[in-house]
Amino acid sequence: MGNFSLCDSTIWVAEDLETRSEKVSCFSAKELAQSTQTFSPLNVVIIETRGQSALSPSFPGLPNTAFSTGSPAGQGMLTKREVRLAALAQLQPPPGTTGWDIGAGCGGLAVEWARWSIQSRIYAIETNPARLEHLHINQQRFGVESNLQIVAGRAPDALQALPTPHSIYLGGSQGQATEILAYCWERLAPGGRIVIPAVTLETRAALVTLAQGKPSEWLEIAVASGKRAGPLTMMQPQRPVLLLTLEKS
């Protein structure tokens, strides 16, 4: 917790509840870390986090700057917040189902997905070693180890052993979009959805071909953020992202 500036968090340790030796102790995280006190194996721990609240907001839309990427804060291989939320809204993942995030990068979308669909099982597939390192950091940082599984490998080979998905985000294909989409479409559960982002004109043109003969929906996200320029505020645009959504009947 010290790594995340959460040393002021309050921790309660409740021991041997509903017995004669029942005991409840309260500490700050810093106090407990320095304590030599031992506790009964039969205990419950309650943590009230305080400090760097941006790491664990109580609403969707994790700040870009909260993720580990190996780049300046808010940058790097990360699906940015506005696109991330729009993509998840397009996916419409039902609770308790399986999802794939292919080309997961540093885990922006996969982590957000796992946090707000705790009954689901999300698989984040990534092949780049540096991105995998940050993906693991973000998995732990946001506490989604229980329902986010990281798969090191390249699609479609790395998908062979995974359970049938109901939702797929195809964020990266390394030039194999046609092959990967064909495999994903075959594996996708009936009623499931695939969302594919595109930034370049070449990728957009390829998506038009990929969507032929399939029920599709197109959505472009164009975001501009206010930036200070001396005494003035100017709107600085981000690169527009096109989202193609395919639904399997």
Foldseek 3Di string as FASTA:
>chain_A
DVVQQFQQKKKKKWAPPPDPPTDIDIDGNVVVVPDPDDGDPHIDMDIGTDGNCLLPPPDAFRQQQNADAVDHGNDHDADHRVNLVVQCVLQVDDAQFEEEEAQCFLPRNVLSVCVVRVNYAYEYEHADPSRVVRNVVSCVSNVRPVRYHYFHDAPPVSVPPPAQGQEYEHEDHPPCVLVRVVVNLVRHDAFGKYKYKDQDPVVVVVVVVVCPPFDKDKDKDKAWDWDDDDPDIDTHIDGIMMMMMTTHD
